[in-house]
Amino acid sequence: MTPEFLLTTLVVVATPGAGVLYTVAAGISRGPRASLVAAFACTLGIVPHMIAAVTGLAAIMHASAMAFSIVKWLGVAYLLYLAVKTFRDKSTFEVSGGPEKVPPWRVIMSGILVNTLNPKLTIFFFAFLPQFVPSDRDGAVLLMVWLSVIFMAVTLVVFSVYGVFAAAVRREVISRPRIVAWMRRSFAATYVILAGRLAAQTR
């Protein structure tokens, strides 16, 4: 592991995307515990990409336009689903009541899907990790797994910080109906923007 790997990983993870947005939304709408569950779920969503990179499936998807398109449009559809759900679900930012009771498994499943249906992560693992794993080195696969675990750990920490901070300002947010409405529309619009960027993405 090199400082360059850690720095690049931190930059990639800290750049706001669908996972960060989902974690922040969970923190604002349901508090710190939900934000930590969401951060953990988004981290779990990296596992399929790690497995794909280690087993070589990422190379297949990178070479196959159809495979890439299927994953990409599934991701677009899910982001648009989140946008519609966020915009229409008034209970997500309930001002007068307590936090919405949402089963942890539902938060986890949604968080996993957010990152699993993201072909950018697969391409990232395919193009990024090999630069730090010499192909002629013994134990190259184990090194790739180790670097992937580090990437996941950084993701969990950074997303948790985002989520806990969002939860910390939750009381200030939900006590102002106008901010609540603005936040709901902003989250929905951001999901749409992310969906549009993903739809325009090429290999």
Protein backbone atom coordinates (compact mmCIF):
# COMPACT_ATOMS: atom_id res chain seq x y z
CA MET A 1 0.00 0.00 0.00
CA THR A 2 1.33 3.42 -1.00
CA PRO A 3 0.46 7.00 -0.02
CA GLU A 4 -0.70 7.53 -3.61
CA PHE A 5 -3.23 4.73 -3.22
CA LEU A 6 -4.60 6.18 0.02
CA LEU A 7 -4.77 9.71 -1.36
CA THR A 8 -6.53 8.66 -4.55
CA THR A 9 -8.92 6.44 -2.61
CA LEU A 10 -9.79 9.30 -0.24
CA VAL A 11 -10.45 11.67 -3.15
CA VAL A 12 -12.64 9.12 -4.97
CA VAL A 13 -14.61 8.20 -1.84
CA ALA A 14 -15.03 11.75 -0.52
CA THR A 15 -16.38 13.05 -3.83
CA PRO A 16 -20.16 13.20 -3.31
CA GLY A 17 -22.13 10.66 -5.29
CA ALA A 18 -25.20 8.48 -4.95
CA GLY A 19 -23.84 6.67 -1.89
CA VAL A 20 -23.00 9.87 -0.04
CA LEU A 21 -26.36 11.33 -0.94
CA TYR A 22 -28.19 8.25 0.32
CA THR A 23 -26.25 8.31 3.62
CA VAL A 24 -26.83 12.02 4.17
CA ALA A 25 -30.54 11.63 3.43
CA ALA A 26 -30.74 8.79 5.97
CA GLY A 27 -29.01 10.93 8.59
CA ILE A 28 -31.26 13.93 8.10
CA SER A 29 -34.49 11.98 7.87
CA ARG A 30 -33.95 9.29 10.52
CA GLY A 31 -30.97 10.22 12.68
CA PRO A 32 -27.38 9.04 13.30
CA ARG A 33 -28.14 5.33 13.66
CA ALA A 34 -29.82 5.19 10.26
CA SER A 35 -26.92 7.11 8.70
CA LEU A 36 -24.41 4.58 10.05
CA VAL A 37 -26.55 1.70 8.76
CA ALA A 38 -26.73 3.41 5.37
CA ALA A 39 -22.94 3.95 5.32
CA PHE A 40 -22.41 0.29 6.16
CA ALA A 41 -24.86 -0.77 3.44
CA CYS A 42 -23.17 1.37 0.79
CA THR A 43 -19.86 -0.18 1.82
CA LEU A 44 -21.33 -3.66 1.37
CA GLY A 45 -22.39 -2.55 -2.11
CA ILE A 46 -18.71 -2.41 -3.03
CA VAL A 47 -18.24 -6.15 -2.43
CA PRO A 48 -19.73 -7.27 -5.79
CA HIS A 49 -17.37 -4.90 -7.60
CA MET A 50 -14.41 -6.20 -5.63
CA ILE A 51 -15.34 -9.81 -6.45
CA ALA A 52 -15.77 -8.89 -10.11
CA ALA A 53 -12.36 -7.24 -10.23
CA VAL A 54 -10.61 -10.11 -8.45
CA THR A 55 -12.23 -12.83 -10.56
CA GLY A 56 -11.82 -10.99 -13.85
CA LEU A 57 -15.52 -10.35 -14.42
CA ALA A 58 -14.79 -6.64 -14.57
CA ALA A 59 -12.65 -7.23 -17.63
CA ILE A 60 -15.53 -9.04 -19.28
CA MET A 61 -17.95 -6.23 -18.51
CA HIS A 62 -15.43 -3.64 -19.65
CA ALA A 63 -15.12 -5.45 -22.97
CA SER A 64 -18.84 -6.15 -23.38
CA ALA A 65 -20.95 -3.18 -24.37
CA MET A 66 -24.17 -5.09 -23.65
CA ALA A 67 -23.12 -6.09 -20.11
CA PHE A 68 -22.04 -2.55 -19.35
CA SER A 69 -25.28 -1.11 -20.71
CA ILE A 70 -27.45 -3.49 -18.69
CA VAL A 71 -25.77 -2.54 -15.42
CA LYS A 72 -25.74 1.13 -16.36
CA TRP A 73 -29.45 1.34 -17.16
CA LEU A 74 -30.37 -0.65 -14.07
CA GLY A 75 -28.46 1.96 -12.09
CA VAL A 76 -30.22 4.81 -13.92
CA ALA A 77 -33.62 3.24 -13.24
CA TYR A 78 -32.86 2.80 -9.54
CA LEU A 79 -31.62 6.37 -9.14
CA LEU A 80 -34.79 7.66 -10.79
CA TYR A 81 -36.83 5.44 -8.48
CA LEU A 82 -35.07 7.00 -5.50
CA ALA A 83 -35.77 10.47 -6.91
CA VAL A 84 -39.49 9.82 -7.25
CA LYS A 85 -39.67 8.13 -3.85
CA THR A 86 -37.83 11.01 -2.14
CA PHE A 87 -39.98 13.67 -3.79
CA ARG A 88 -43.30 11.97 -3.05
CA ASP A 89 -42.61 10.50 0.40
CA LYS A 90 -43.61 13.32 2.77
CA SER A 91 -42.99 11.18 5.83
CA THR A 92 -39.26 11.00 5.13
CA PHE A 93 -38.80 14.48 6.62
CA GLU A 94 -41.57 14.48 9.18
CA VAL A 95 -41.38 17.68 11.25
CA SER A 96 -43.97 17.16 13.94
CA GLY A 97 -43.27 13.52 14.75
CA GLY A 98 -40.27 11.39 15.58
CA PRO A 99 -38.00 9.63 13.15
CA GLU A 100 -39.71 7.39 10.68
CA LYS A 101 -39.59 3.72 11.65
CA VAL A 102 -37.84 2.02 8.78
CA PRO A 103 -36.66 -1.59 9.12
CA PRO A 104 -32.83 -1.75 9.09
CA TRP A 105 -32.94 -4.43 6.39
CA ARG A 106 -34.72 -2.01 4.06
CA VAL A 107 -32.07 0.65 4.62
CA ILE A 108 -29.35 -1.95 4.06
CA MET A 109 -30.89 -3.34 0.87
CA SER A 110 -31.36 0.14 -0.61
CA GLY A 111 -27.81 1.15 0.28
CA ILE A 112 -26.35 -2.01 -1.24
CA LEU A 113 -28.31 -1.45 -4.46
CA VAL A 114 -27.13 2.17 -4.69
CA ASN A 115 -23.49 1.08 -5.02
CA THR A 116 -24.00 -2.31 -6.64
CA LEU A 117 -25.88 -0.80 -9.59
CA ASN A 118 -23.05 1.58 -10.33
CA PRO A 119 -20.84 0.50 -13.24
CA LYS A 120 -18.43 3.33 -12.42
CA LEU A 121 -17.26 1.35 -9.39
CA THR A 122 -16.63 -1.75 -11.47
CA ILE A 123 -14.64 0.23 -14.02
CA PHE A 124 -12.84 1.98 -11.18
CA PHE A 125 -11.79 -1.33 -9.64
CA PHE A 126 -10.82 -2.68 -13.05
CA ALA A 127 -8.68 0.33 -14.02
CA PHE A 128 -7.45 1.53 -10.64
CA LEU A 129 -6.41 -1.47 -8.55
CA PRO A 130 -4.15 -3.14 -11.16
CA GLN A 131 -1.92 -0.05 -11.11
CA PHE A 132 -0.95 -0.95 -7.55
CA VAL A 133 -0.78 -4.71 -8.03
CA PRO A 134 2.18 -5.94 -10.11
CA SER A 135 0.95 -8.84 -12.22
CA ASP A 136 4.23 -10.75 -11.80
CA ARG A 137 4.17 -10.51 -8.00
CA ASP A 138 3.37 -13.53 -5.87
CA GLY A 139 0.11 -13.09 -3.99
CA ALA A 140 -1.22 -10.48 -6.42
CA VAL A 141 -4.80 -11.61 -5.80
CA LEU A 142 -4.43 -11.31 -2.05
CA LEU A 143 -2.93 -7.86 -2.46
CA MET A 144 -5.87 -6.80 -4.62
CA VAL A 145 -8.28 -8.08 -1.97
CA TRP A 146 -6.36 -6.23 0.73
CA LEU A 147 -6.43 -2.94 -1.21
CA SER A 148 -10.14 -3.45 -1.83
CA VAL A 149 -10.73 -3.91 1.89
CA ILE A 150 -8.85 -0.67 2.55
CA PHE A 151 -11.02 1.08 -0.04
CA MET A 152 -14.12 -0.24 1.71
CA ALA A 153 -12.83 0.84 5.13
CA VAL A 154 -12.19 4.37 3.87
CA THR A 155 -15.67 4.39 2.33
CA LEU A 156 -17.25 3.35 5.61
CA VAL A 157 -15.40 6.03 7.60
CA VAL A 158 -16.01 8.87 5.14
CA PHE A 159 -19.67 8.00 4.58
CA SER A 160 -20.19 7.70 8.34
CA VAL A 161 -18.73 11.17 8.85
CA TYR A 162 -21.08 12.56 6.20
CA GLY A 163 -24.05 10.79 7.76
CA VAL A 164 -23.33 11.68 11.39
CA PHE A 165 -22.79 15.32 10.46
CA ALA A 166 -26.10 15.33 8.61
CA ALA A 167 -27.78 13.76 11.64
CA ALA A 168 -26.20 16.40 13.92
CA VAL A 169 -27.94 19.21 12.05
CA ARG A 170 -31.13 17.19 11.71
CA ARG A 171 -33.00 19.05 14.45
CA GLU A 172 -32.24 22.39 12.83
CA VAL A 173 -33.37 21.09 9.47
CA ILE A 174 -36.63 19.38 10.42
CA SER A 175 -37.75 22.32 12.58
CA ARG A 176 -38.06 24.49 9.47
CA PRO A 177 -40.72 23.35 6.98
CA ARG A 178 -39.27 25.40 4.14
CA ILE A 179 -35.85 23.81 4.60
CA VAL A 180 -37.52 20.41 4.77
CA ALA A 181 -39.27 20.99 1.45
CA TRP A 182 -36.10 22.40 -0.13
CA MET A 183 -34.01 19.46 1.08
CA ARG A 184 -36.52 16.94 -0.26
CA ARG A 185 -36.60 18.59 -3.69
CA SER A 186 -32.81 18.97 -3.70
CA PHE A 187 -32.23 15.28 -2.93
CA ALA A 188 -34.72 14.26 -5.61
CA ALA A 189 -33.14 16.61 -8.16
CA THR A 190 -29.65 15.37 -7.31
CA TYR A 191 -30.72 11.76 -7.85
CA VAL A 192 -32.05 12.79 -11.27
CA ILE A 193 -28.77 14.56 -12.09
CA LEU A 194 -26.76 11.51 -11.03
CA ALA A 195 -29.01 9.33 -13.17
CA GLY A 196 -28.42 11.63 -16.13
CA ARG A 197 -24.65 11.55 -15.63
CA LEU A 198 -24.72 7.78 -15.39
CA ALA A 199 -26.87 7.50 -18.52
CA ALA A 200 -24.35 9.63 -20.44
CA GLN A 201 -21.40 7.59 -19.19
CA THR A 202 -19.46 5.57 -21.71
CA ARG A 203 -16.84 2.93 -21.16
